[in-house]
Amino acid sequence: MGPLPILTEVPTDVDMSALQADLADDGVAVLNPAHAGTAPQLAQVVRDARDKGIENFKVVVLAHDYNPDTSLRDLGTQLGRDLAAQGEETMTVLVMSPSQVAGYSTQLTRFQVEKGQDGHTGRLALNDPPKATQDFVDVAHGATFPFAAFTVFLVLLVAALAGVARVVTRRRSREVDAARRAAGLRGSAESADEKPVEENGVSAVSNRE
């Protein structure tokens, strides 16, 4: 039996076809009337992102939050799949609502996306979409997985495990040696007890009973 399909919860009140049409012009779709005036600023951030290597950047600002909040991630993922089917293989999608955020990218690593979602302070300023988007770009662009530190950690971990294994092995070896010596001493004692004793020139085995 193969793996179960992953269920998605793409918001049903978002018209995906209309959303793609909205994004086609400048990579920005502001569905929240409260932030309608931020579209030009968002478009500028999208253009500037290219200078940092984030190509084909899409930003979606939703009107309200969703339950579950993974709906934003699912929307970004579905949008990415739809665009990929149209030949746009390289892309990064940032989806925001008043208090939720999710990213999807075929270019950035998952580590970069998650760090970007945290922004500089651990939480993007979602009440200010242009700033939130700029922070996402800056942090995601500069985020790199600490491979050097991780490698050092692995080396130290392996060394520690090897040391523990040596200690355990030596302890078990000493226990085995001690058990063998004890068994040898018992055997010698039993042999001594059963040694023939000569009585009046006749050999006899001593009786311990």
N, C-alpha and C. Protein backbone atom coordinates (compact mmCIF):
# COMPACT_ATOMS: atom_id res chain seq x y z
N MET A 1 0.84 -1.19 0.00
CA MET A 1 0.00 0.00 0.00
C MET A 1 0.87 1.24 0.00
N GLY A 2 0.61 2.16 -0.91
CA GLY A 2 1.43 3.36 -1.02
C GLY A 2 1.08 4.37 0.05
N PRO A 3 1.85 5.48 0.11
CA PRO A 3 1.59 6.50 1.11
C PRO A 3 0.24 7.16 0.88
N LEU A 4 -0.40 7.56 1.98
CA LEU A 4 -1.69 8.23 1.88
C LEU A 4 -1.52 9.61 1.29
N PRO A 5 -2.46 10.08 0.49
CA PRO A 5 -2.34 11.42 -0.09
C PRO A 5 -2.44 12.49 1.00
N ILE A 6 -1.71 13.59 0.78
CA ILE A 6 -1.73 14.68 1.73
C ILE A 6 -2.96 15.55 1.44
N LEU A 7 -3.82 15.70 2.46
CA LEU A 7 -5.02 16.50 2.29
C LEU A 7 -4.67 17.98 2.36
N THR A 8 -5.23 18.77 1.48
CA THR A 8 -4.98 20.20 1.48
C THR A 8 -6.27 20.94 1.82
N GLU A 9 -6.08 22.11 2.40
CA GLU A 9 -7.21 22.95 2.78
C GLU A 9 -7.05 24.32 2.14
N VAL A 10 -7.06 24.35 0.82
CA VAL A 10 -6.95 25.62 0.12
C VAL A 10 -8.22 26.43 0.39
N PRO A 11 -8.09 27.69 0.81
CA PRO A 11 -9.28 28.49 1.11
C PRO A 11 -10.28 28.47 -0.04
N THR A 12 -11.51 28.14 0.29
CA THR A 12 -12.54 28.01 -0.75
C THR A 12 -13.03 29.37 -1.24
N ASP A 13 -12.76 30.43 -0.48
CA ASP A 13 -13.24 31.74 -0.91
C ASP A 13 -12.22 32.49 -1.77
N VAL A 14 -11.15 31.81 -2.14
CA VAL A 14 -10.15 32.41 -3.02
C VAL A 14 -10.26 31.80 -4.40
N ASP A 15 -10.51 32.63 -5.38
CA ASP A 15 -10.61 32.19 -6.78
C ASP A 15 -9.20 32.06 -7.32
N MET A 16 -8.72 30.84 -7.49
CA MET A 16 -7.34 30.61 -7.91
C MET A 16 -7.07 31.18 -9.30
N SER A 17 -8.02 31.10 -10.20
CA SER A 17 -7.82 31.64 -11.55
C SER A 17 -7.69 33.16 -11.51
N ALA A 18 -8.56 33.80 -10.73
CA ALA A 18 -8.49 35.26 -10.60
C ALA A 18 -7.20 35.66 -9.89
N LEU A 19 -6.77 34.85 -8.92
CA LEU A 19 -5.54 35.15 -8.19
C LEU A 19 -4.33 35.11 -9.13
N GLN A 20 -4.26 34.09 -9.97
CA GLN A 20 -3.16 34.00 -10.93
C GLN A 20 -3.16 35.18 -11.89
N ALA A 21 -4.34 35.59 -12.32
CA ALA A 21 -4.44 36.73 -13.23
C ALA A 21 -3.96 38.01 -12.55
N ASP A 22 -4.27 38.13 -11.26
CA ASP A 22 -3.86 39.30 -10.49
C ASP A 22 -2.34 39.33 -10.32
N LEU A 23 -1.76 38.18 -10.12
CA LEU A 23 -0.32 38.08 -9.90
C LEU A 23 0.49 38.26 -11.19
N ALA A 24 -0.13 37.99 -12.32
CA ALA A 24 0.58 37.98 -13.60
C ALA A 24 1.24 39.32 -13.92
N ASP A 25 0.64 40.42 -13.49
CA ASP A 25 1.15 41.74 -13.84
C ASP A 25 2.42 42.11 -13.10
N ASP A 26 2.36 42.13 -11.77
CA ASP A 26 3.51 42.59 -10.99
C ASP A 26 3.91 41.64 -9.87
N GLY A 27 3.30 40.44 -9.80
CA GLY A 27 3.64 39.48 -8.76
C GLY A 27 2.97 39.76 -7.43
N VAL A 28 2.01 40.68 -7.42
CA VAL A 28 1.36 41.07 -6.18
C VAL A 28 -0.15 40.93 -6.32
N ALA A 29 -0.79 40.36 -5.27
CA ALA A 29 -2.25 40.26 -5.23
C ALA A 29 -2.70 40.64 -3.83
N VAL A 30 -3.32 41.82 -3.71
CA VAL A 30 -3.78 42.30 -2.40
C VAL A 30 -5.30 42.11 -2.34
N LEU A 31 -5.72 41.09 -1.59
CA LEU A 31 -7.15 40.79 -1.46
C LEU A 31 -7.76 41.42 -0.23
N ASN A 32 -6.95 42.09 0.56
CA ASN A 32 -7.43 42.76 1.76
C ASN A 32 -7.62 44.24 1.46
N PRO A 33 -8.86 44.73 1.44
CA PRO A 33 -9.11 46.14 1.12
C PRO A 33 -8.36 47.12 2.02
N ALA A 34 -8.09 46.68 3.26
CA ALA A 34 -7.39 47.57 4.19
C ALA A 34 -5.97 47.87 3.74
N HIS A 35 -5.42 47.01 2.90
CA HIS A 35 -4.04 47.20 2.44
C HIS A 35 -3.96 47.42 0.93
N ALA A 36 -5.06 47.79 0.32
CA ALA A 36 -5.08 47.96 -1.13
C ALA A 36 -4.04 48.98 -1.60
N GLY A 37 -3.81 50.00 -0.80
CA GLY A 37 -2.87 51.04 -1.18
C GLY A 37 -1.42 50.63 -1.11
N THR A 38 -1.13 49.44 -0.58
CA THR A 38 0.26 49.00 -0.45
C THR A 38 0.76 48.26 -1.69
N ALA A 39 -0.10 48.05 -2.66
CA ALA A 39 0.29 47.27 -3.84
C ALA A 39 1.54 47.82 -4.54
N PRO A 40 1.64 49.13 -4.77
CA PRO A 40 2.86 49.64 -5.43
C PRO A 40 4.13 49.37 -4.63
N GLN A 41 4.06 49.51 -3.30
CA GLN A 41 5.22 49.23 -2.46
C GLN A 41 5.60 47.76 -2.51
N LEU A 42 4.59 46.91 -2.48
CA LEU A 42 4.85 45.48 -2.56
C LEU A 42 5.48 45.12 -3.89
N ALA A 43 5.00 45.74 -4.95
CA ALA A 43 5.56 45.47 -6.28
C ALA A 43 7.03 45.87 -6.33
N GLN A 44 7.38 46.95 -5.65
CA GLN A 44 8.78 47.38 -5.62
C GLN A 44 9.65 46.38 -4.87
N VAL A 45 9.13 45.85 -3.76
CA VAL A 45 9.87 44.83 -3.00
C VAL A 45 10.07 43.59 -3.86
N VAL A 46 9.05 43.22 -4.63
CA VAL A 46 9.16 42.06 -5.51
C VAL A 46 10.26 42.28 -6.56
N ARG A 47 10.31 43.49 -7.11
CA ARG A 47 11.35 43.79 -8.10
C ARG A 47 12.74 43.77 -7.47
N ASP A 48 12.84 44.35 -6.27
CA ASP A 48 14.14 44.39 -5.58
C ASP A 48 14.61 42.99 -5.18
N ALA A 49 13.67 42.08 -4.94
CA ALA A 49 14.03 40.72 -4.53
C ALA A 49 14.85 40.01 -5.60
N ARG A 50 14.64 40.39 -6.83
CA ARG A 50 15.40 39.76 -7.92
C ARG A 50 16.89 40.04 -7.78
N ASP A 51 17.22 41.22 -7.26
CA ASP A 51 18.63 41.57 -7.07
C ASP A 51 19.28 40.69 -6.02
N LYS A 52 18.47 40.08 -5.17
CA LYS A 52 19.00 39.18 -4.14
C LYS A 52 18.83 37.72 -4.54
N GLY A 53 18.51 37.50 -5.79
CA GLY A 53 18.44 36.13 -6.30
C GLY A 53 17.12 35.44 -6.09
N ILE A 54 16.12 36.16 -5.56
CA ILE A 54 14.81 35.55 -5.37
C ILE A 54 13.97 35.88 -6.61
N GLU A 55 14.00 34.98 -7.55
CA GLU A 55 13.33 35.21 -8.83
C GLU A 55 11.86 34.80 -8.77
N ASN A 56 11.08 35.43 -9.64
CA ASN A 56 9.66 35.09 -9.79
C ASN A 56 8.97 35.06 -8.43
N PHE A 57 9.09 36.16 -7.71
CA PHE A 57 8.54 36.29 -6.36
C PHE A 57 7.08 36.70 -6.44
N LYS A 58 6.22 35.99 -5.71
CA LYS A 58 4.78 36.29 -5.67
C LYS A 58 4.38 36.60 -4.23
N VAL A 59 3.57 37.64 -4.06
CA VAL A 59 3.10 38.02 -2.73
C VAL A 59 1.58 38.10 -2.75
N VAL A 60 0.95 37.38 -1.81
CA VAL A 60 -0.51 37.37 -1.70
C VAL A 60 -0.90 37.87 -0.31
N VAL A 61 -1.74 38.89 -0.26
CA VAL A 61 -2.22 39.44 1.01
C VAL A 61 -3.71 39.12 1.12
N LEU A 62 -4.05 38.22 2.02
CA LEU A 62 -5.43 37.77 2.17
C LEU A 62 -6.21 38.69 3.11
N ALA A 63 -7.53 38.65 2.97
CA ALA A 63 -8.39 39.57 3.72
C ALA A 63 -8.57 39.16 5.18
N HIS A 64 -8.49 37.86 5.48
CA HIS A 64 -8.73 37.41 6.85
C HIS A 64 -7.95 36.14 7.14
N ASP A 65 -7.91 35.75 8.41
CA ASP A 65 -7.22 34.53 8.82
C ASP A 65 -8.06 33.31 8.47
N TYR A 66 -7.42 32.15 8.53
CA TYR A 66 -8.11 30.90 8.19
C TYR A 66 -7.87 29.85 9.27
N ASN A 67 -8.82 28.94 9.36
CA ASN A 67 -8.71 27.82 10.28
C ASN A 67 -8.93 26.52 9.49
N PRO A 68 -7.91 25.67 9.39
CA PRO A 68 -6.61 25.77 10.06
C PRO A 68 -5.69 26.78 9.37
N ASP A 69 -4.66 27.23 10.11
CA ASP A 69 -3.76 28.22 9.54
C ASP A 69 -2.88 27.64 8.44
N THR A 70 -2.85 26.30 8.35
CA THR A 70 -2.08 25.67 7.27
C THR A 70 -2.73 25.91 5.90
N SER A 71 -3.93 26.50 5.91
CA SER A 71 -4.58 26.82 4.64
C SER A 71 -3.74 27.78 3.82
N LEU A 72 -2.99 28.66 4.49
CA LEU A 72 -2.13 29.59 3.76
C LEU A 72 -1.01 28.85 3.05
N ARG A 73 -0.42 27.90 3.77
CA ARG A 73 0.64 27.09 3.15
C ARG A 73 0.09 26.30 1.98
N ASP A 74 -1.11 25.73 2.17
CA ASP A 74 -1.71 24.93 1.10
C ASP A 74 -2.05 25.79 -0.11
N LEU A 75 -2.47 27.03 0.14
CA LEU A 75 -2.76 27.93 -0.98
C LEU A 75 -1.47 28.23 -1.75
N GLY A 76 -0.41 28.53 -1.01
CA GLY A 76 0.87 28.80 -1.67
C GLY A 76 1.38 27.61 -2.45
N THR A 77 1.23 26.42 -1.87
CA THR A 77 1.67 25.20 -2.54
C THR A 77 0.86 24.95 -3.81
N GLN A 78 -0.47 25.12 -3.71
CA GLN A 78 -1.32 24.90 -4.87
C GLN A 78 -1.03 25.92 -5.97
N LEU A 79 -0.81 27.15 -5.55
CA LEU A 79 -0.46 28.19 -6.52
C LEU A 79 0.85 27.84 -7.21
N GLY A 80 1.82 27.36 -6.44
CA GLY A 80 3.09 26.96 -7.02
C GLY A 80 2.94 25.83 -8.02
N ARG A 81 2.11 24.86 -7.70
CA ARG A 81 1.88 23.74 -8.61
C ARG A 81 1.20 24.21 -9.89
N ASP A 82 0.23 25.11 -9.74
CA ASP A 82 -0.47 25.61 -10.92
C ASP A 82 0.48 26.38 -11.84
N LEU A 83 1.33 27.20 -11.24
CA LEU A 83 2.27 27.98 -12.04
C LEU A 83 3.32 27.07 -12.67
N ALA A 84 3.74 26.02 -11.95
CA ALA A 84 4.71 25.08 -12.50
C ALA A 84 4.13 24.37 -13.71
N ALA A 85 2.83 24.08 -13.65
CA ALA A 85 2.17 23.41 -14.78
C ALA A 85 2.14 24.31 -16.01
N GLN A 86 2.28 25.63 -15.77
CA GLN A 86 2.29 26.59 -16.86
C GLN A 86 3.71 26.94 -17.30
N GLY A 87 4.68 26.25 -16.72
CA GLY A 87 6.06 26.44 -17.14
C GLY A 87 6.90 27.31 -16.22
N GLU A 88 6.33 27.81 -15.13
CA GLU A 88 7.10 28.64 -14.19
C GLU A 88 7.68 27.73 -13.11
N GLU A 89 8.83 27.18 -13.37
CA GLU A 89 9.41 26.19 -12.48
C GLU A 89 10.08 26.81 -11.25
N THR A 90 10.67 27.99 -11.41
CA THR A 90 11.35 28.64 -10.29
C THR A 90 10.48 29.75 -9.74
N MET A 91 10.15 29.65 -8.46
CA MET A 91 9.29 30.68 -7.87
C MET A 91 9.37 30.64 -6.35
N THR A 92 8.96 31.74 -5.75
CA THR A 92 8.80 31.83 -4.29
C THR A 92 7.49 32.56 -4.04
N VAL A 93 6.66 31.98 -3.19
CA VAL A 93 5.34 32.55 -2.90
C VAL A 93 5.26 32.87 -1.42
N LEU A 94 4.87 34.09 -1.09
CA LEU A 94 4.64 34.50 0.29
C LEU A 94 3.17 34.84 0.44
N VAL A 95 2.50 34.15 1.36
CA VAL A 95 1.06 34.36 1.59
C VAL A 95 0.89 34.90 3.00
N MET A 96 0.18 36.04 3.10
CA MET A 96 -0.04 36.67 4.40
C MET A 96 -1.52 36.92 4.63
N SER A 97 -1.92 36.84 5.89
CA SER A 97 -3.26 37.26 6.33
C SER A 97 -3.01 38.20 7.51
N PRO A 98 -4.05 38.72 8.14
CA PRO A 98 -3.80 39.66 9.25
C PRO A 98 -2.87 39.14 10.35
N SER A 99 -2.89 37.83 10.64
CA SER A 99 -2.01 37.32 11.70
C SER A 99 -1.37 35.98 11.36
N GLN A 100 -1.40 35.59 10.10
CA GLN A 100 -0.82 34.32 9.68
C GLN A 100 0.08 34.54 8.46
N VAL A 101 1.06 33.66 8.31
CA VAL A 101 1.98 33.78 7.19
C VAL A 101 2.49 32.40 6.81
N ALA A 102 2.74 32.21 5.53
CA ALA A 102 3.29 30.95 5.05
C ALA A 102 4.06 31.21 3.76
N GLY A 103 5.09 30.43 3.56
CA GLY A 103 5.90 30.58 2.36
C GLY A 103 6.03 29.28 1.61
N TYR A 104 6.24 29.40 0.32
CA TYR A 104 6.47 28.24 -0.54
C TYR A 104 7.53 28.64 -1.56
N SER A 105 8.45 27.75 -1.83
CA SER A 105 9.49 28.09 -2.78
C SER A 105 10.09 26.85 -3.42
N THR A 106 10.37 26.96 -4.70
CA THR A 106 11.11 25.91 -5.40
C THR A 106 12.58 26.32 -5.55
N GLN A 107 12.91 27.49 -5.03
CA GLN A 107 14.27 28.01 -5.14
C GLN A 107 14.97 28.08 -3.80
N LEU A 108 14.28 28.62 -2.81
CA LEU A 108 14.85 28.71 -1.47
C LEU A 108 14.72 27.38 -0.76
N THR A 109 15.62 27.13 0.18
CA THR A 109 15.51 25.92 1.00
C THR A 109 14.41 26.11 2.03
N ARG A 110 13.95 25.00 2.60
CA ARG A 110 12.93 25.09 3.65
C ARG A 110 13.45 25.89 4.83
N PHE A 111 14.73 25.77 5.12
CA PHE A 111 15.35 26.51 6.20
C PHE A 111 15.25 28.01 5.94
N GLN A 112 15.54 28.43 4.70
CA GLN A 112 15.46 29.85 4.36
C GLN A 112 14.03 30.37 4.45
N VAL A 113 13.08 29.58 3.96
CA VAL A 113 11.68 30.00 4.00
C VAL A 113 11.22 30.19 5.45
N GLU A 114 11.53 29.23 6.30
CA GLU A 114 11.09 29.31 7.69
C GLU A 114 11.76 30.46 8.43
N LYS A 115 13.04 30.69 8.16
CA LYS A 115 13.71 31.83 8.77
C LYS A 115 13.12 33.13 8.27
N GLY A 116 12.79 33.18 6.96
CA GLY A 116 12.16 34.37 6.41
C GLY A 116 10.82 34.65 7.03
N GLN A 117 10.05 33.60 7.30
CA GLN A 117 8.75 33.76 7.94
C GLN A 117 8.87 34.32 9.35
N ASP A 118 10.00 34.06 10.00
CA ASP A 118 10.24 34.58 11.35
C ASP A 118 10.67 36.05 11.32
N GLY A 119 11.21 36.47 10.19
CA GLY A 119 11.68 37.85 10.09
C GLY A 119 12.88 38.10 10.99
N HIS A 120 13.13 39.37 11.29
CA HIS A 120 14.28 39.73 12.12
C HIS A 120 14.01 39.51 13.60
N THR A 121 12.75 39.54 13.99
CA THR A 121 12.41 39.50 15.42
C THR A 121 11.64 38.26 15.84
N GLY A 122 11.46 37.32 14.93
CA GLY A 122 10.70 36.12 15.26
C GLY A 122 9.27 36.19 14.81
N ARG A 123 8.84 37.35 14.32
CA ARG A 123 7.47 37.50 13.83
C ARG A 123 7.41 38.67 12.86
N LEU A 124 6.90 38.41 11.66
CA LEU A 124 6.79 39.47 10.66
C LEU A 124 5.71 40.47 11.07
N ALA A 125 5.90 41.72 10.67
CA ALA A 125 4.93 42.78 10.95
C ALA A 125 3.81 42.69 9.91
N LEU A 126 2.88 41.77 10.13
CA LEU A 126 1.85 41.49 9.13
C LEU A 126 0.85 42.63 8.97
N ASN A 127 0.83 43.56 9.93
CA ASN A 127 -0.04 44.73 9.78
C ASN A 127 0.57 45.75 8.81
N ASP A 128 1.78 45.46 8.36
CA ASP A 128 2.48 46.31 7.39
C ASP A 128 3.06 45.40 6.30
N PRO A 129 2.23 44.98 5.33
CA PRO A 129 2.67 44.00 4.32
C PRO A 129 3.97 44.34 3.60
N PRO A 130 4.21 45.60 3.18
CA PRO A 130 5.49 45.90 2.52
C PRO A 130 6.70 45.63 3.41
N LYS A 131 6.61 46.04 4.69
CA LYS A 131 7.72 45.80 5.62
C LYS A 131 7.89 44.30 5.87
N ALA A 132 6.77 43.61 6.07
CA ALA A 132 6.84 42.17 6.30
C ALA A 132 7.48 41.46 5.12
N THR A 133 7.11 41.88 3.91
CA THR A 133 7.66 41.25 2.71
C THR A 133 9.15 41.55 2.58
N GLN A 134 9.53 42.81 2.86
CA GLN A 134 10.95 43.18 2.79
C GLN A 134 11.76 42.40 3.81
N ASP A 135 11.24 42.26 5.02
CA ASP A 135 11.94 41.49 6.06
C ASP A 135 12.08 40.03 5.64
N PHE A 136 11.02 39.48 5.06
CA PHE A 136 11.09 38.09 4.58
C PHE A 136 12.22 37.93 3.57
N VAL A 137 12.29 38.85 2.61
CA VAL A 137 13.32 38.78 1.57
C VAL A 137 14.71 38.89 2.18
N ASP A 138 14.90 39.88 3.06
CA ASP A 138 16.22 40.11 3.65
C ASP A 138 16.70 38.90 4.46
N VAL A 139 15.81 38.38 5.31
CA VAL A 139 16.19 37.27 6.19
C VAL A 139 16.37 35.98 5.40
N ALA A 140 15.45 35.70 4.49
CA ALA A 140 15.55 34.47 3.69
C ALA A 140 16.80 34.48 2.83
N HIS A 141 17.12 35.65 2.28
CA HIS A 141 18.31 35.77 1.43
C HIS A 141 19.59 35.52 2.23
N GLY A 142 19.63 36.03 3.45
CA GLY A 142 20.84 35.90 4.25
C GLY A 142 20.93 34.63 5.07
N ALA A 143 19.84 33.88 5.11
CA ALA A 143 19.82 32.67 5.96
C ALA A 143 20.57 31.53 5.30
N THR A 144 21.50 30.97 6.01
CA THR A 144 22.21 29.78 5.55
C THR A 144 22.25 28.79 6.71
N PHE A 145 22.07 27.54 6.38
CA PHE A 145 22.11 26.51 7.42
C PHE A 145 23.53 26.43 7.98
N PRO A 146 23.69 26.41 9.32
CA PRO A 146 25.02 26.38 9.93
C PRO A 146 25.70 25.01 9.79
N PHE A 147 26.14 24.71 8.55
CA PHE A 147 26.72 23.40 8.29
C PHE A 147 27.99 23.17 9.11
N ALA A 148 28.82 24.22 9.25
CA ALA A 148 30.08 24.05 9.99
C ALA A 148 29.81 23.66 11.44
N ALA A 149 28.90 24.40 12.09
CA ALA A 149 28.58 24.10 13.48
C ALA A 149 27.93 22.73 13.61
N PHE A 150 27.08 22.39 12.64
CA PHE A 150 26.41 21.10 12.68
C PHE A 150 27.43 19.97 12.52
N THR A 151 28.42 20.19 11.64
CA THR A 151 29.46 19.17 11.43
C THR A 151 30.27 18.97 12.70
N VAL A 152 30.63 20.09 13.35
CA VAL A 152 31.39 19.99 14.61
C VAL A 152 30.58 19.24 15.65
N PHE A 153 29.30 19.54 15.72
CA PHE A 153 28.42 18.85 16.68
C PHE A 153 28.40 17.35 16.41
N LEU A 154 28.28 16.96 15.12
CA LEU A 154 28.25 15.54 14.78
C LEU A 154 29.56 14.86 15.15
N VAL A 155 30.70 15.54 14.88
CA VAL A 155 32.00 14.96 15.21
C VAL A 155 32.12 14.73 16.71
N LEU A 156 31.71 15.75 17.50
CA LEU A 156 31.78 15.62 18.95
C LEU A 156 30.84 14.52 19.45
N LEU A 157 29.67 14.44 18.83
CA LEU A 157 28.71 13.41 19.24
C LEU A 157 29.26 12.02 18.96
N VAL A 158 29.84 11.84 17.77
CA VAL A 158 30.41 10.53 17.41
C VAL A 158 31.56 10.18 18.35
N ALA A 159 32.41 11.18 18.68
CA ALA A 159 33.53 10.94 19.58
C ALA A 159 33.03 10.54 20.98
N ALA A 160 31.98 11.24 21.43
CA ALA A 160 31.42 10.92 22.75
C ALA A 160 30.84 9.52 22.78
N LEU A 161 30.11 9.15 21.73
CA LEU A 161 29.52 7.82 21.66
C LEU A 161 30.62 6.75 21.60
N ALA A 162 31.68 7.05 20.85
CA ALA A 162 32.79 6.09 20.76
C ALA A 162 33.45 5.92 22.13
N GLY A 163 33.60 7.03 22.88
CA GLY A 163 34.18 6.94 24.21
C GLY A 163 33.31 6.12 25.15
N VAL A 164 32.01 6.34 25.09
CA VAL A 164 31.09 5.56 25.92
C VAL A 164 31.16 4.08 25.55
N ALA A 165 31.24 3.80 24.25
CA ALA A 165 31.32 2.40 23.81
C ALA A 165 32.58 1.73 24.32
N ARG A 166 33.71 2.48 24.30
CA ARG A 166 34.97 1.91 24.80
C ARG A 166 34.88 1.60 26.29
N VAL A 167 34.30 2.54 27.05
CA VAL A 167 34.16 2.33 28.50
C VAL A 167 33.30 1.11 28.79
N VAL A 168 32.17 1.01 28.07
CA VAL A 168 31.27 -0.14 28.27
C VAL A 168 31.97 -1.44 27.90
N THR A 169 32.69 -1.42 26.76
CA THR A 169 33.39 -2.63 26.32
C THR A 169 34.45 -3.06 27.33
N ARG A 170 35.23 -2.10 27.84
CA ARG A 170 36.26 -2.43 28.83
C ARG A 170 35.64 -2.96 30.11
N ARG A 171 34.56 -2.35 30.53
CA ARG A 171 33.90 -2.80 31.76
C ARG A 171 33.39 -4.22 31.61
N ARG A 172 32.76 -4.50 30.46
CA ARG A 172 32.28 -5.86 30.23
C ARG A 172 33.43 -6.85 30.14
N SER A 173 34.55 -6.41 29.53
CA SER A 173 35.71 -7.29 29.43
C SER A 173 36.27 -7.63 30.81
N ARG A 174 36.32 -6.61 31.69
CA ARG A 174 36.81 -6.86 33.04
C ARG A 174 35.87 -7.79 33.79
N GLU A 175 34.57 -7.60 33.59
CA GLU A 175 33.60 -8.47 34.26
C GLU A 175 33.74 -9.91 33.80
N VAL A 176 33.95 -10.09 32.48
CA VAL A 176 34.13 -11.44 31.94
C VAL A 176 35.40 -12.07 32.49
N ASP A 177 36.50 -11.27 32.52
CA ASP A 177 37.77 -11.80 33.05
C ASP A 177 37.62 -12.18 34.52
N ALA A 178 36.94 -11.34 35.28
CA ALA A 178 36.75 -11.63 36.70
C ALA A 178 35.92 -12.90 36.88
N ALA A 179 34.90 -13.06 36.04
CA ALA A 179 34.07 -14.25 36.13
C ALA A 179 34.88 -15.50 35.78
N ARG A 180 35.74 -15.38 34.76
CA ARG A 180 36.57 -16.52 34.39
C ARG A 180 37.56 -16.87 35.48
N ARG A 181 38.18 -15.86 36.11
CA ARG A 181 39.13 -16.14 37.20
C ARG A 181 38.42 -16.80 38.37
N ALA A 182 37.22 -16.28 38.67
CA ALA A 182 36.47 -16.87 39.77
C ALA A 182 36.11 -18.32 39.46
N ALA A 183 35.72 -18.57 38.21
CA ALA A 183 35.38 -19.94 37.83
C ALA A 183 36.61 -20.83 37.90
N GLY A 184 37.78 -20.29 37.52
CA GLY A 184 39.02 -21.07 37.58
C GLY A 184 39.41 -21.40 39.00
N LEU A 185 39.24 -20.43 39.91
CA LEU A 185 39.56 -20.69 41.31
C LEU A 185 38.65 -21.75 41.91
N ARG A 186 37.35 -21.69 41.57
CA ARG A 186 36.42 -22.69 42.07
C ARG A 186 36.79 -24.07 41.54
N GLY A 187 37.19 -24.11 40.24
CA GLY A 187 37.58 -25.39 39.66
C GLY A 187 38.81 -25.96 40.34
N SER A 188 39.78 -25.09 40.65
CA SER A 188 41.00 -25.55 41.32
C SER A 188 40.69 -26.07 42.71
N ALA A 189 39.80 -25.36 43.40
CA ALA A 189 39.45 -25.80 44.75
C ALA A 189 38.74 -27.14 44.72
N GLU A 190 37.86 -27.33 43.76
CA GLU A 190 37.14 -28.61 43.66
C GLU A 190 38.10 -29.74 43.31
N SER A 191 39.09 -29.44 42.44
CA SER A 191 40.07 -30.47 42.07
C SER A 191 40.90 -30.86 43.27
N ALA A 192 41.25 -29.85 44.10
CA ALA A 192 42.06 -30.14 45.29
C ALA A 192 41.27 -31.00 46.27
N ASP A 193 39.98 -30.75 46.39
CA ASP A 193 39.15 -31.52 47.31
C ASP A 193 39.03 -32.97 46.86
N GLU A 194 39.07 -33.20 45.55
CA GLU A 194 38.87 -34.55 45.04
C GLU A 194 40.19 -35.28 44.79
N LYS A 195 41.36 -34.72 45.21
CA LYS A 195 42.65 -35.35 44.97
C LYS A 195 42.76 -36.66 45.78
N PRO A 196 43.23 -37.76 45.14
CA PRO A 196 43.36 -39.05 45.87
C PRO A 196 44.27 -38.93 47.07
N VAL A 197 43.89 -39.57 48.15
CA VAL A 197 44.68 -39.57 49.38
C VAL A 197 45.15 -41.00 49.64
N GLU A 198 46.47 -41.14 49.91
CA GLU A 198 47.02 -42.48 50.15
C GLU A 198 46.85 -42.83 51.63
N GLU A 199 46.22 -43.94 51.83
CA GLU A 199 46.06 -44.45 53.19
C GLU A 199 46.65 -45.87 53.25
N ASN A 200 47.75 -46.01 54.06
CA ASN A 200 48.42 -47.30 54.20
C ASN A 200 48.86 -47.85 52.85
N GLY A 201 49.38 -46.90 52.00
CA GLY A 201 49.90 -47.35 50.71
C GLY A 201 48.84 -47.58 49.69
N VAL A 202 47.58 -47.29 50.00
CA VAL A 202 46.49 -47.50 49.05
C VAL A 202 45.89 -46.16 48.71
N SER A 203 45.77 -45.90 47.42
CA SER A 203 45.17 -44.64 47.00
C SER A 203 43.67 -44.66 47.20
N ALA A 204 43.16 -43.56 47.74
CA ALA A 204 41.71 -43.46 47.95
C ALA A 204 41.28 -42.03 47.72
N VAL A 205 40.09 -41.86 47.27
CA VAL A 205 39.55 -40.52 47.04
C VAL A 205 38.88 -40.08 48.32
N SER A 206 39.27 -38.87 48.76
CA SER A 206 38.70 -38.38 50.01
C SER A 206 37.21 -38.15 49.86
N ASN A 207 36.51 -38.47 50.91
CA ASN A 207 35.05 -38.32 50.92
C ASN A 207 34.72 -37.05 51.71
N ARG A 208 34.07 -36.06 50.99
CA ARG A 208 33.77 -34.79 51.67
C ARG A 208 32.46 -34.85 52.43
N GLU A 209 31.77 -35.99 52.34
CA GLU A 209 30.49 -36.10 53.03
C GLU A 209 30.74 -36.45 54.49
